[in-house]
Amino acid sequence: KAGAKLIKAGDQSVVELIIHEGKNR
């Protein structure tokens, strides 16, 4: 489970994402 919050919507959206793992990319 992750934290996800939309900062800006549009043709290009900006999202804050909080994760607790560290898989490659």
PDBML (XML) file of the C-alpha atoms, coordinates in Angstrom:
<?xml version="1.0" encoding="UTF-8" ?>
<PDBx:datablock datablockName="MODEL"
   xmlns:PDBx="http://pdbml.pdb.org/schema/pdbx-v50.xsd"
   xmlns:xsi="http://www.w3.org/2001/XMLSchema-instance"
   xsi:schemaLocation="http://pdbml.pdb.org/schema/pdbx-v50.xsd pdbx-v50.xsd">
   <PDBx:atom_siteCategory>
      <PDBx:atom_site id="1">
         <PDBx:B_iso_or_equiv>0.00</PDBx:B_iso_or_equiv>
         <PDBx:Cartn_x>0.000</PDBx:Cartn_x>
         <PDBx:Cartn_y>0.000</PDBx:Cartn_y>
         <PDBx:Cartn_z>0.000</PDBx:Cartn_z>
         <PDBx:auth_asym_id>A</PDBx:auth_asym_id>
         <PDBx:auth_atom_id>CA</PDBx:auth_atom_id>
         <PDBx:auth_comp_id>LYS</PDBx:auth_comp_id>
         <PDBx:auth_seq_id>1</PDBx:auth_seq_id>
         <PDBx:group_PDB>ATOM</PDBx:group_PDB>
         <PDBx:label_alt_id xsi:nil="true" />
         <PDBx:label_asym_id>A</PDBx:label_asym_id>
         <PDBx:label_atom_id>CA</PDBx:label_atom_id>
         <PDBx:label_comp_id>LYS</PDBx:label_comp_id>
         <PDBx:label_entity_id>1</PDBx:label_entity_id>
         <PDBx:label_seq_id>1</PDBx:label_seq_id>
         <PDBx:occupancy>1.00</PDBx:occupancy>
         <PDBx:pdbx_PDB_model_num>1</PDBx:pdbx_PDB_model_num>
         <PDBx:type_symbol>C</PDBx:type_symbol>
      </PDBx:atom_site>
      <PDBx:atom_site id="2">
         <PDBx:B_iso_or_equiv>0.00</PDBx:B_iso_or_equiv>
         <PDBx:Cartn_x>1.243</PDBx:Cartn_x>
         <PDBx:Cartn_y>3.475</PDBx:Cartn_y>
         <PDBx:Cartn_z>-0.888</PDBx:Cartn_z>
         <PDBx:auth_asym_id>A</PDBx:auth_asym_id>
         <PDBx:auth_atom_id>CA</PDBx:auth_atom_id>
         <PDBx:auth_comp_id>ALA</PDBx:auth_comp_id>
         <PDBx:auth_seq_id>2</PDBx:auth_seq_id>
         <PDBx:group_PDB>ATOM</PDBx:group_PDB>
         <PDBx:label_alt_id xsi:nil="true" />
         <PDBx:label_asym_id>A</PDBx:label_asym_id>
         <PDBx:label_atom_id>CA</PDBx:label_atom_id>
         <PDBx:label_comp_id>ALA</PDBx:label_comp_id>
         <PDBx:label_entity_id>1</PDBx:label_entity_id>
         <PDBx:label_seq_id>2</PDBx:label_seq_id>
         <PDBx:occupancy>1.00</PDBx:occupancy>
         <PDBx:pdbx_PDB_model_num>1</PDBx:pdbx_PDB_model_num>
         <PDBx:type_symbol>C</PDBx:type_symbol>
      </PDBx:atom_site>
      <PDBx:atom_site id="3">
         <PDBx:B_iso_or_equiv>0.00</PDBx:B_iso_or_equiv>
         <PDBx:Cartn_x>0.311</PDBx:Cartn_x>
         <PDBx:Cartn_y>7.079</PDBx:Cartn_y>
         <PDBx:Cartn_z>-0.314</PDBx:Cartn_z>
         <PDBx:auth_asym_id>A</PDBx:auth_asym_id>
         <PDBx:auth_atom_id>CA</PDBx:auth_atom_id>
         <PDBx:auth_comp_id>GLY</PDBx:auth_comp_id>
         <PDBx:auth_seq_id>3</PDBx:auth_seq_id>
         <PDBx:group_PDB>ATOM</PDBx:group_PDB>
         <PDBx:label_alt_id xsi:nil="true" />
         <PDBx:label_asym_id>A</PDBx:label_asym_id>
         <PDBx:label_atom_id>CA</PDBx:label_atom_id>
         <PDBx:label_comp_id>GLY</PDBx:label_comp_id>
         <PDBx:label_entity_id>1</PDBx:label_entity_id>
         <PDBx:label_seq_id>3</PDBx:label_seq_id>
         <PDBx:occupancy>1.00</PDBx:occupancy>
         <PDBx:pdbx_PDB_model_num>1</PDBx:pdbx_PDB_model_num>
         <PDBx:type_symbol>C</PDBx:type_symbol>
      </PDBx:atom_site>
      <PDBx:atom_site id="4">
         <PDBx:B_iso_or_equiv>0.00</PDBx:B_iso_or_equiv>
         <PDBx:Cartn_x>-0.836</PDBx:Cartn_x>
         <PDBx:Cartn_y>8.868</PDBx:Cartn_y>
         <PDBx:Cartn_z>-3.474</PDBx:Cartn_z>
         <PDBx:auth_asym_id>A</PDBx:auth_asym_id>
         <PDBx:auth_atom_id>CA</PDBx:auth_atom_id>
         <PDBx:auth_comp_id>ALA</PDBx:auth_comp_id>
         <PDBx:auth_seq_id>4</PDBx:auth_seq_id>
         <PDBx:group_PDB>ATOM</PDBx:group_PDB>
         <PDBx:label_alt_id xsi:nil="true" />
         <PDBx:label_asym_id>A</PDBx:label_asym_id>
         <PDBx:label_atom_id>CA</PDBx:label_atom_id>
         <PDBx:label_comp_id>ALA</PDBx:label_comp_id>
         <PDBx:label_entity_id>1</PDBx:label_entity_id>
         <PDBx:label_seq_id>4</PDBx:label_seq_id>
         <PDBx:occupancy>1.00</PDBx:occupancy>
         <PDBx:pdbx_PDB_model_num>1</PDBx:pdbx_PDB_model_num>
         <PDBx:type_symbol>C</PDBx:type_symbol>
      </PDBx:atom_site>
      <PDBx:atom_site id="5">
         <PDBx:B_iso_or_equiv>0.00</PDBx:B_iso_or_equiv>
         <PDBx:Cartn_x>-1.999</PDBx:Cartn_x>
         <PDBx:Cartn_y>12.467</PDBx:Cartn_y>
         <PDBx:Cartn_z>-3.793</PDBx:Cartn_z>
         <PDBx:auth_asym_id>A</PDBx:auth_asym_id>
         <PDBx:auth_atom_id>CA</PDBx:auth_atom_id>
         <PDBx:auth_comp_id>LYS</PDBx:auth_comp_id>
         <PDBx:auth_seq_id>5</PDBx:auth_seq_id>
         <PDBx:group_PDB>ATOM</PDBx:group_PDB>
         <PDBx:label_alt_id xsi:nil="true" />
         <PDBx:label_asym_id>A</PDBx:label_asym_id>
         <PDBx:label_atom_id>CA</PDBx:label_atom_id>
         <PDBx:label_comp_id>LYS</PDBx:label_comp_id>
         <PDBx:label_entity_id>1</PDBx:label_entity_id>
         <PDBx:label_seq_id>5</PDBx:label_seq_id>
         <PDBx:occupancy>1.00</PDBx:occupancy>
         <PDBx:pdbx_PDB_model_num>1</PDBx:pdbx_PDB_model_num>
         <PDBx:type_symbol>C</PDBx:type_symbol>
      </PDBx:atom_site>
      <PDBx:atom_site id="6">
         <PDBx:B_iso_or_equiv>0.00</PDBx:B_iso_or_equiv>
         <PDBx:Cartn_x>-2.805</PDBx:Cartn_x>
         <PDBx:Cartn_y>14.449</PDBx:Cartn_y>
         <PDBx:Cartn_z>-6.917</PDBx:Cartn_z>
         <PDBx:auth_asym_id>A</PDBx:auth_asym_id>
         <PDBx:auth_atom_id>CA</PDBx:auth_atom_id>
         <PDBx:auth_comp_id>LEU</PDBx:auth_comp_id>
         <PDBx:auth_seq_id>6</PDBx:auth_seq_id>
         <PDBx:group_PDB>ATOM</PDBx:group_PDB>
         <PDBx:label_alt_id xsi:nil="true" />
         <PDBx:label_asym_id>A</PDBx:label_asym_id>
         <PDBx:label_atom_id>CA</PDBx:label_atom_id>
         <PDBx:label_comp_id>LEU</PDBx:label_comp_id>
         <PDBx:label_entity_id>1</PDBx:label_entity_id>
         <PDBx:label_seq_id>6</PDBx:label_seq_id>
         <PDBx:occupancy>1.00</PDBx:occupancy>
         <PDBx:pdbx_PDB_model_num>1</PDBx:pdbx_PDB_model_num>
         <PDBx:type_symbol>C</PDBx:type_symbol>
      </PDBx:atom_site>
      <PDBx:atom_site id="7">
         <PDBx:B_iso_or_equiv>0.00</PDBx:B_iso_or_equiv>
         <PDBx:Cartn_x>-0.988</PDBx:Cartn_x>
         <PDBx:Cartn_y>17.779</PDBx:Cartn_y>
         <PDBx:Cartn_z>-6.964</PDBx:Cartn_z>
         <PDBx:auth_asym_id>A</PDBx:auth_asym_id>
         <PDBx:auth_atom_id>CA</PDBx:auth_atom_id>
         <PDBx:auth_comp_id>ILE</PDBx:auth_comp_id>
         <PDBx:auth_seq_id>7</PDBx:auth_seq_id>
         <PDBx:group_PDB>ATOM</PDBx:group_PDB>
         <PDBx:label_alt_id xsi:nil="true" />
         <PDBx:label_asym_id>A</PDBx:label_asym_id>
         <PDBx:label_atom_id>CA</PDBx:label_atom_id>
         <PDBx:label_comp_id>ILE</PDBx:label_comp_id>
         <PDBx:label_entity_id>1</PDBx:label_entity_id>
         <PDBx:label_seq_id>7</PDBx:label_seq_id>
         <PDBx:occupancy>1.00</PDBx:occupancy>
         <PDBx:pdbx_PDB_model_num>1</PDBx:pdbx_PDB_model_num>
         <PDBx:type_symbol>C</PDBx:type_symbol>
      </PDBx:atom_site>
      <PDBx:atom_site id="8">
         <PDBx:B_iso_or_equiv>0.00</PDBx:B_iso_or_equiv>
         <PDBx:Cartn_x>-1.992</PDBx:Cartn_x>
         <PDBx:Cartn_y>18.888</PDBx:Cartn_y>
         <PDBx:Cartn_z>-10.451</PDBx:Cartn_z>
         <PDBx:auth_asym_id>A</PDBx:auth_asym_id>
         <PDBx:auth_atom_id>CA</PDBx:auth_atom_id>
         <PDBx:auth_comp_id>LYS</PDBx:auth_comp_id>
         <PDBx:auth_seq_id>8</PDBx:auth_seq_id>
         <PDBx:group_PDB>ATOM</PDBx:group_PDB>
         <PDBx:label_alt_id xsi:nil="true" />
         <PDBx:label_asym_id>A</PDBx:label_asym_id>
         <PDBx:label_atom_id>CA</PDBx:label_atom_id>
         <PDBx:label_comp_id>LYS</PDBx:label_comp_id>
         <PDBx:label_entity_id>1</PDBx:label_entity_id>
         <PDBx:label_seq_id>8</PDBx:label_seq_id>
         <PDBx:occupancy>1.00</PDBx:occupancy>
         <PDBx:pdbx_PDB_model_num>1</PDBx:pdbx_PDB_model_num>
         <PDBx:type_symbol>C</PDBx:type_symbol>
      </PDBx:atom_site>
      <PDBx:atom_site id="9">
         <PDBx:B_iso_or_equiv>0.00</PDBx:B_iso_or_equiv>
         <PDBx:Cartn_x>-4.207</PDBx:Cartn_x>
         <PDBx:Cartn_y>17.350</PDBx:Cartn_y>
         <PDBx:Cartn_z>-13.140</PDBx:Cartn_z>
         <PDBx:auth_asym_id>A</PDBx:auth_asym_id>
         <PDBx:auth_atom_id>CA</PDBx:auth_atom_id>
         <PDBx:auth_comp_id>ALA</PDBx:auth_comp_id>
         <PDBx:auth_seq_id>9</PDBx:auth_seq_id>
         <PDBx:group_PDB>ATOM</PDBx:group_PDB>
         <PDBx:label_alt_id xsi:nil="true" />
         <PDBx:label_asym_id>A</PDBx:label_asym_id>
         <PDBx:label_atom_id>CA</PDBx:label_atom_id>
         <PDBx:label_comp_id>ALA</PDBx:label_comp_id>
         <PDBx:label_entity_id>1</PDBx:label_entity_id>
         <PDBx:label_seq_id>9</PDBx:label_seq_id>
         <PDBx:occupancy>1.00</PDBx:occupancy>
         <PDBx:pdbx_PDB_model_num>1</PDBx:pdbx_PDB_model_num>
         <PDBx:type_symbol>C</PDBx:type_symbol>
      </PDBx:atom_site>
      <PDBx:atom_site id="10">
         <PDBx:B_iso_or_equiv>0.00</PDBx:B_iso_or_equiv>
         <PDBx:Cartn_x>-4.014</PDBx:Cartn_x>
         <PDBx:Cartn_y>17.883</PDBx:Cartn_y>
         <PDBx:Cartn_z>-16.900</PDBx:Cartn_z>
         <PDBx:auth_asym_id>A</PDBx:auth_asym_id>
         <PDBx:auth_atom_id>CA</PDBx:auth_atom_id>
         <PDBx:auth_comp_id>GLY</PDBx:auth_comp_id>
         <PDBx:auth_seq_id>10</PDBx:auth_seq_id>
         <PDBx:group_PDB>ATOM</PDBx:group_PDB>
         <PDBx:label_alt_id xsi:nil="true" />
         <PDBx:label_asym_id>A</PDBx:label_asym_id>
         <PDBx:label_atom_id>CA</PDBx:label_atom_id>
         <PDBx:label_comp_id>GLY</PDBx:label_comp_id>
         <PDBx:label_entity_id>1</PDBx:label_entity_id>
         <PDBx:label_seq_id>10</PDBx:label_seq_id>
         <PDBx:occupancy>1.00</PDBx:occupancy>
         <PDBx:pdbx_PDB_model_num>1</PDBx:pdbx_PDB_model_num>
         <PDBx:type_symbol>C</PDBx:type_symbol>
      </PDBx:atom_site>
      <PDBx:atom_site id="11">
         <PDBx:B_iso_or_equiv>0.00</PDBx:B_iso_or_equiv>
         <PDBx:Cartn_x>-2.296</PDBx:Cartn_x>
         <PDBx:Cartn_y>16.586</PDBx:Cartn_y>
         <PDBx:Cartn_z>-20.000</PDBx:Cartn_z>
         <PDBx:auth_asym_id>A</PDBx:auth_asym_id>
         <PDBx:auth_atom_id>CA</PDBx:auth_atom_id>
         <PDBx:auth_comp_id>ASP</PDBx:auth_comp_id>
         <PDBx:auth_seq_id>11</PDBx:auth_seq_id>
         <PDBx:group_PDB>ATOM</PDBx:group_PDB>
         <PDBx:label_alt_id xsi:nil="true" />
         <PDBx:label_asym_id>A</PDBx:label_asym_id>
         <PDBx:label_atom_id>CA</PDBx:label_atom_id>
         <PDBx:label_comp_id>ASP</PDBx:label_comp_id>
         <PDBx:label_entity_id>1</PDBx:label_entity_id>
         <PDBx:label_seq_id>11</PDBx:label_seq_id>
         <PDBx:occupancy>1.00</PDBx:occupancy>
         <PDBx:pdbx_PDB_model_num>1</PDBx:pdbx_PDB_model_num>
         <PDBx:type_symbol>C</PDBx:type_symbol>
      </PDBx:atom_site>
      <PDBx:atom_site id="12">
         <PDBx:B_iso_or_equiv>0.00</PDBx:B_iso_or_equiv>
         <PDBx:Cartn_x>0.657</PDBx:Cartn_x>
         <PDBx:Cartn_y>16.200</PDBx:Cartn_y>
         <PDBx:Cartn_z>-17.671</PDBx:Cartn_z>
         <PDBx:auth_asym_id>A</PDBx:auth_asym_id>
         <PDBx:auth_atom_id>CA</PDBx:auth_atom_id>
         <PDBx:auth_comp_id>GLN</PDBx:auth_comp_id>
         <PDBx:auth_seq_id>12</PDBx:auth_seq_id>
         <PDBx:group_PDB>ATOM</PDBx:group_PDB>
         <PDBx:label_alt_id xsi:nil="true" />
         <PDBx:label_asym_id>A</PDBx:label_asym_id>
         <PDBx:label_atom_id>CA</PDBx:label_atom_id>
         <PDBx:label_comp_id>GLN</PDBx:label_comp_id>
         <PDBx:label_entity_id>1</PDBx:label_entity_id>
         <PDBx:label_seq_id>12</PDBx:label_seq_id>
         <PDBx:occupancy>1.00</PDBx:occupancy>
         <PDBx:pdbx_PDB_model_num>1</PDBx:pdbx_PDB_model_num>
         <PDBx:type_symbol>C</PDBx:type_symbol>
      </PDBx:atom_site>
      <PDBx:atom_site id="13">
         <PDBx:B_iso_or_equiv>0.00</PDBx:B_iso_or_equiv>
         <PDBx:Cartn_x>-0.314</PDBx:Cartn_x>
         <PDBx:Cartn_y>15.386</PDBx:Cartn_y>
         <PDBx:Cartn_z>-14.094</PDBx:Cartn_z>
         <PDBx:auth_asym_id>A</PDBx:auth_asym_id>
         <PDBx:auth_atom_id>CA</PDBx:auth_atom_id>
         <PDBx:auth_comp_id>SER</PDBx:auth_comp_id>
         <PDBx:auth_seq_id>13</PDBx:auth_seq_id>
         <PDBx:group_PDB>ATOM</PDBx:group_PDB>
         <PDBx:label_alt_id xsi:nil="true" />
         <PDBx:label_asym_id>A</PDBx:label_asym_id>
         <PDBx:label_atom_id>CA</PDBx:label_atom_id>
         <PDBx:label_comp_id>SER</PDBx:label_comp_id>
         <PDBx:label_entity_id>1</PDBx:label_entity_id>
         <PDBx:label_seq_id>13</PDBx:label_seq_id>
         <PDBx:occupancy>1.00</PDBx:occupancy>
         <PDBx:pdbx_PDB_model_num>1</PDBx:pdbx_PDB_model_num>
         <PDBx:type_symbol>C</PDBx:type_symbol>
      </PDBx:atom_site>
      <PDBx:atom_site id="14">
         <PDBx:B_iso_or_equiv>0.00</PDBx:B_iso_or_equiv>
         <PDBx:Cartn_x>1.798</PDBx:Cartn_x>
         <PDBx:Cartn_y>15.821</PDBx:Cartn_y>
         <PDBx:Cartn_z>-10.980</PDBx:Cartn_z>
         <PDBx:auth_asym_id>A</PDBx:auth_asym_id>
         <PDBx:auth_atom_id>CA</PDBx:auth_atom_id>
         <PDBx:auth_comp_id>VAL</PDBx:auth_comp_id>
         <PDBx:auth_seq_id>14</PDBx:auth_seq_id>
         <PDBx:group_PDB>ATOM</PDBx:group_PDB>
         <PDBx:label_alt_id xsi:nil="true" />
         <PDBx:label_asym_id>A</PDBx:label_asym_id>
         <PDBx:label_atom_id>CA</PDBx:label_atom_id>
         <PDBx:label_comp_id>VAL</PDBx:label_comp_id>
         <PDBx:label_entity_id>1</PDBx:label_entity_id>
         <PDBx:label_seq_id>14</PDBx:label_seq_id>
         <PDBx:occupancy>1.00</PDBx:occupancy>
         <PDBx:pdbx_PDB_model_num>1</PDBx:pdbx_PDB_model_num>
         <PDBx:type_symbol>C</PDBx:type_symbol>
      </PDBx:atom_site>
      <PDBx:atom_site id="15">
         <PDBx:B_iso_or_equiv>0.00</PDBx:B_iso_or_equiv>
         <PDBx:Cartn_x>1.448</PDBx:Cartn_x>
         <PDBx:Cartn_y>13.192</PDBx:Cartn_y>
         <PDBx:Cartn_z>-8.252</PDBx:Cartn_z>
         <PDBx:auth_asym_id>A</PDBx:auth_asym_id>
         <PDBx:auth_atom_id>CA</PDBx:auth_atom_id>
         <PDBx:auth_comp_id>VAL</PDBx:auth_comp_id>
         <PDBx:auth_seq_id>15</PDBx:auth_seq_id>
         <PDBx:group_PDB>ATOM</PDBx:group_PDB>
         <PDBx:label_alt_id xsi:nil="true" />
         <PDBx:label_asym_id>A</PDBx:label_asym_id>
         <PDBx:label_atom_id>CA</PDBx:label_atom_id>
         <PDBx:label_comp_id>VAL</PDBx:label_comp_id>
         <PDBx:label_entity_id>1</PDBx:label_entity_id>
         <PDBx:label_seq_id>15</PDBx:label_seq_id>
         <PDBx:occupancy>1.00</PDBx:occupancy>
         <PDBx:pdbx_PDB_model_num>1</PDBx:pdbx_PDB_model_num>
         <PDBx:type_symbol>C</PDBx:type_symbol>
      </PDBx:atom_site>
      <PDBx:atom_site id="16">
         <PDBx:B_iso_or_equiv>0.00</PDBx:B_iso_or_equiv>
         <PDBx:Cartn_x>3.024</PDBx:Cartn_x>
         <PDBx:Cartn_y>12.756</PDBx:Cartn_y>
         <PDBx:Cartn_z>-4.832</PDBx:Cartn_z>
         <PDBx:auth_asym_id>A</PDBx:auth_asym_id>
         <PDBx:auth_atom_id>CA</PDBx:auth_atom_id>
         <PDBx:auth_comp_id>GLU</PDBx:auth_comp_id>
         <PDBx:auth_seq_id>16</PDBx:auth_seq_id>
         <PDBx:group_PDB>ATOM</PDBx:group_PDB>
         <PDBx:label_alt_id xsi:nil="true" />
         <PDBx:label_asym_id>A</PDBx:label_asym_id>
         <PDBx:label_atom_id>CA</PDBx:label_atom_id>
         <PDBx:label_comp_id>GLU</PDBx:label_comp_id>
         <PDBx:label_entity_id>1</PDBx:label_entity_id>
         <PDBx:label_seq_id>16</PDBx:label_seq_id>
         <PDBx:occupancy>1.00</PDBx:occupancy>
         <PDBx:pdbx_PDB_model_num>1</PDBx:pdbx_PDB_model_num>
         <PDBx:type_symbol>C</PDBx:type_symbol>
      </PDBx:atom_site>
      <PDBx:atom_site id="17">
         <PDBx:B_iso_or_equiv>0.00</PDBx:B_iso_or_equiv>
         <PDBx:Cartn_x>3.733</PDBx:Cartn_x>
         <PDBx:Cartn_y>9.069</PDBx:Cartn_y>
         <PDBx:Cartn_z>-4.179</PDBx:Cartn_z>
         <PDBx:auth_asym_id>A</PDBx:auth_asym_id>
         <PDBx:auth_atom_id>CA</PDBx:auth_atom_id>
         <PDBx:auth_comp_id>LEU</PDBx:auth_comp_id>
         <PDBx:auth_seq_id>17</PDBx:auth_seq_id>
         <PDBx:group_PDB>ATOM</PDBx:group_PDB>
         <PDBx:label_alt_id xsi:nil="true" />
         <PDBx:label_asym_id>A</PDBx:label_asym_id>
         <PDBx:label_atom_id>CA</PDBx:label_atom_id>
         <PDBx:label_comp_id>LEU</PDBx:label_comp_id>
         <PDBx:label_entity_id>1</PDBx:label_entity_id>
         <PDBx:label_seq_id>17</PDBx:label_seq_id>
         <PDBx:occupancy>1.00</PDBx:occupancy>
         <PDBx:pdbx_PDB_model_num>1</PDBx:pdbx_PDB_model_num>
         <PDBx:type_symbol>C</PDBx:type_symbol>
      </PDBx:atom_site>
      <PDBx:atom_site id="18">
         <PDBx:B_iso_or_equiv>0.00</PDBx:B_iso_or_equiv>
         <PDBx:Cartn_x>4.946</PDBx:Cartn_x>
         <PDBx:Cartn_y>7.604</PDBx:Cartn_y>
         <PDBx:Cartn_z>-0.871</PDBx:Cartn_z>
         <PDBx:auth_asym_id>A</PDBx:auth_asym_id>
         <PDBx:auth_atom_id>CA</PDBx:auth_atom_id>
         <PDBx:auth_comp_id>ILE</PDBx:auth_comp_id>
         <PDBx:auth_seq_id>18</PDBx:auth_seq_id>
         <PDBx:group_PDB>ATOM</PDBx:group_PDB>
         <PDBx:label_alt_id xsi:nil="true" />
         <PDBx:label_asym_id>A</PDBx:label_asym_id>
         <PDBx:label_atom_id>CA</PDBx:label_atom_id>
         <PDBx:label_comp_id>ILE</PDBx:label_comp_id>
         <PDBx:label_entity_id>1</PDBx:label_entity_id>
         <PDBx:label_seq_id>18</PDBx:label_seq_id>
         <PDBx:occupancy>1.00</PDBx:occupancy>
         <PDBx:pdbx_PDB_model_num>1</PDBx:pdbx_PDB_model_num>
         <PDBx:type_symbol>C</PDBx:type_symbol>
      </PDBx:atom_site>
      <PDBx:atom_site id="19">
         <PDBx:B_iso_or_equiv>0.00</PDBx:B_iso_or_equiv>
         <PDBx:Cartn_x>6.336</PDBx:Cartn_x>
         <PDBx:Cartn_y>4.063</PDBx:Cartn_y>
         <PDBx:Cartn_z>-0.951</PDBx:Cartn_z>
         <PDBx:auth_asym_id>A</PDBx:auth_asym_id>
         <PDBx:auth_atom_id>CA</PDBx:auth_atom_id>
         <PDBx:auth_comp_id>ILE</PDBx:auth_comp_id>
         <PDBx:auth_seq_id>19</PDBx:auth_seq_id>
         <PDBx:group_PDB>ATOM</PDBx:group_PDB>
         <PDBx:label_alt_id xsi:nil="true" />
         <PDBx:label_asym_id>A</PDBx:label_asym_id>
         <PDBx:label_atom_id>CA</PDBx:label_atom_id>
         <PDBx:label_comp_id>ILE</PDBx:label_comp_id>
         <PDBx:label_entity_id>1</PDBx:label_entity_id>
         <PDBx:label_seq_id>19</PDBx:label_seq_id>
         <PDBx:occupancy>1.00</PDBx:occupancy>
         <PDBx:pdbx_PDB_model_num>1</PDBx:pdbx_PDB_model_num>
         <PDBx:type_symbol>C</PDBx:type_symbol>
      </PDBx:atom_site>
      <PDBx:atom_site id="20">
         <PDBx:B_iso_or_equiv>0.00</PDBx:B_iso_or_equiv>
         <PDBx:Cartn_x>8.009</PDBx:Cartn_x>
         <PDBx:Cartn_y>1.827</PDBx:Cartn_y>
         <PDBx:Cartn_z>1.641</PDBx:Cartn_z>
         <PDBx:auth_asym_id>A</PDBx:auth_asym_id>
         <PDBx:auth_atom_id>CA</PDBx:auth_atom_id>
         <PDBx:auth_comp_id>HIS</PDBx:auth_comp_id>
         <PDBx:auth_seq_id>20</PDBx:auth_seq_id>
         <PDBx:group_PDB>ATOM</PDBx:group_PDB>
         <PDBx:label_alt_id xsi:nil="true" />
         <PDBx:label_asym_id>A</PDBx:label_asym_id>
         <PDBx:label_atom_id>CA</PDBx:label_atom_id>
         <PDBx:label_comp_id>HIS</PDBx:label_comp_id>
         <PDBx:label_entity_id>1</PDBx:label_entity_id>
         <PDBx:label_seq_id>20</PDBx:label_seq_id>
         <PDBx:occupancy>1.00</PDBx:occupancy>
         <PDBx:pdbx_PDB_model_num>1</PDBx:pdbx_PDB_model_num>
         <PDBx:type_symbol>C</PDBx:type_symbol>
      </PDBx:atom_site>
      <PDBx:atom_site id="21">
         <PDBx:B_iso_or_equiv>0.00</PDBx:B_iso_or_equiv>
         <PDBx:Cartn_x>9.958</PDBx:Cartn_x>
         <PDBx:Cartn_y>-0.448</PDBx:Cartn_y>
         <PDBx:Cartn_z>-0.687</PDBx:Cartn_z>
         <PDBx:auth_asym_id>A</PDBx:auth_asym_id>
         <PDBx:auth_atom_id>CA</PDBx:auth_atom_id>
         <PDBx:auth_comp_id>GLU</PDBx:auth_comp_id>
         <PDBx:auth_seq_id>21</PDBx:auth_seq_id>
         <PDBx:group_PDB>ATOM</PDBx:group_PDB>
         <PDBx:label_alt_id xsi:nil="true" />
         <PDBx:label_asym_id>A</PDBx:label_asym_id>
         <PDBx:label_atom_id>CA</PDBx:label_atom_id>
         <PDBx:label_comp_id>GLU</PDBx:label_comp_id>
         <PDBx:label_entity_id>1</PDBx:label_entity_id>
         <PDBx:label_seq_id>21</PDBx:label_seq_id>
         <PDBx:occupancy>1.00</PDBx:occupancy>
         <PDBx:pdbx_PDB_model_num>1</PDBx:pdbx_PDB_model_num>
         <PDBx:type_symbol>C</PDBx:type_symbol>
      </PDBx:atom_site>
      <PDBx:atom_site id="22">
         <PDBx:B_iso_or_equiv>0.00</PDBx:B_iso_or_equiv>
         <PDBx:Cartn_x>12.927</PDBx:Cartn_x>
         <PDBx:Cartn_y>0.051</PDBx:Cartn_y>
         <PDBx:Cartn_z>-2.953</PDBx:Cartn_z>
         <PDBx:auth_asym_id>A</PDBx:auth_asym_id>
         <PDBx:auth_atom_id>CA</PDBx:auth_atom_id>
         <PDBx:auth_comp_id>GLY</PDBx:auth_comp_id>
         <PDBx:auth_seq_id>22</PDBx:auth_seq_id>
         <PDBx:group_PDB>ATOM</PDBx:group_PDB>
         <PDBx:label_alt_id xsi:nil="true" />
         <PDBx:label_asym_id>A</PDBx:label_asym_id>
         <PDBx:label_atom_id>CA</PDBx:label_atom_id>
         <PDBx:label_comp_id>GLY</PDBx:label_comp_id>
         <PDBx:label_entity_id>1</PDBx:label_entity_id>
         <PDBx:label_seq_id>22</PDBx:label_seq_id>
         <PDBx:occupancy>1.00</PDBx:occupancy>
         <PDBx:pdbx_PDB_model_num>1</PDBx:pdbx_PDB_model_num>
         <PDBx:type_symbol>C</PDBx:type_symbol>
      </PDBx:atom_site>
      <PDBx:atom_site id="23">
         <PDBx:B_iso_or_equiv>0.00</PDBx:B_iso_or_equiv>
         <PDBx:Cartn_x>12.530</PDBx:Cartn_x>
         <PDBx:Cartn_y>-2.105</PDBx:Cartn_y>
         <PDBx:Cartn_z>-6.027</PDBx:Cartn_z>
         <PDBx:auth_asym_id>A</PDBx:auth_asym_id>
         <PDBx:auth_atom_id>CA</PDBx:auth_atom_id>
         <PDBx:auth_comp_id>LYS</PDBx:auth_comp_id>
         <PDBx:auth_seq_id>23</PDBx:auth_seq_id>
         <PDBx:group_PDB>ATOM</PDBx:group_PDB>
         <PDBx:label_alt_id xsi:nil="true" />
         <PDBx:label_asym_id>A</PDBx:label_asym_id>
         <PDBx:label_atom_id>CA</PDBx:label_atom_id>
         <PDBx:label_comp_id>LYS</PDBx:label_comp_id>
         <PDBx:label_entity_id>1</PDBx:label_entity_id>
         <PDBx:label_seq_id>23</PDBx:label_seq_id>
         <PDBx:occupancy>1.00</PDBx:occupancy>
         <PDBx:pdbx_PDB_model_num>1</PDBx:pdbx_PDB_model_num>
         <PDBx:type_symbol>C</PDBx:type_symbol>
      </PDBx:atom_site>
      <PDBx:atom_site id="24">
         <PDBx:B_iso_or_equiv>0.00</PDBx:B_iso_or_equiv>
         <PDBx:Cartn_x>14.538</PDBx:Cartn_x>
         <PDBx:Cartn_y>-1.102</PDBx:Cartn_y>
         <PDBx:Cartn_z>-9.086</PDBx:Cartn_z>
         <PDBx:auth_asym_id>A</PDBx:auth_asym_id>
         <PDBx:auth_atom_id>CA</PDBx:auth_atom_id>
         <PDBx:auth_comp_id>ASN</PDBx:auth_comp_id>
         <PDBx:auth_seq_id>24</PDBx:auth_seq_id>
         <PDBx:group_PDB>ATOM</PDBx:group_PDB>
         <PDBx:label_alt_id xsi:nil="true" />
         <PDBx:label_asym_id>A</PDBx:label_asym_id>
         <PDBx:label_atom_id>CA</PDBx:label_atom_id>
         <PDBx:label_comp_id>ASN</PDBx:label_comp_id>
         <PDBx:label_entity_id>1</PDBx:label_entity_id>
         <PDBx:label_seq_id>24</PDBx:label_seq_id>
         <PDBx:occupancy>1.00</PDBx:occupancy>
         <PDBx:pdbx_PDB_model_num>1</PDBx:pdbx_PDB_model_num>
         <PDBx:type_symbol>C</PDBx:type_symbol>
      </PDBx:atom_site>
      <PDBx:atom_site id="25">
         <PDBx:B_iso_or_equiv>0.00</PDBx:B_iso_or_equiv>
         <PDBx:Cartn_x>12.826</PDBx:Cartn_x>
         <PDBx:Cartn_y>1.861</PDBx:Cartn_y>
         <PDBx:Cartn_z>-10.804</PDBx:Cartn_z>
         <PDBx:auth_asym_id>A</PDBx:auth_asym_id>
         <PDBx:auth_atom_id>CA</PDBx:auth_atom_id>
         <PDBx:auth_comp_id>ARG</PDBx:auth_comp_id>
         <PDBx:auth_seq_id>25</PDBx:auth_seq_id>
         <PDBx:group_PDB>ATOM</PDBx:group_PDB>
         <PDBx:label_alt_id xsi:nil="true" />
         <PDBx:label_asym_id>A</PDBx:label_asym_id>
         <PDBx:label_atom_id>CA</PDBx:label_atom_id>
         <PDBx:label_comp_id>ARG</PDBx:label_comp_id>
         <PDBx:label_entity_id>1</PDBx:label_entity_id>
         <PDBx:label_seq_id>25</PDBx:label_seq_id>
         <PDBx:occupancy>1.00</PDBx:occupancy>
         <PDBx:pdbx_PDB_model_num>1</PDBx:pdbx_PDB_model_num>
         <PDBx:type_symbol>C</PDBx:type_symbol>
      </PDBx:atom_site>
   </PDBx:atom_siteCategory>
</PDBx:datablock>
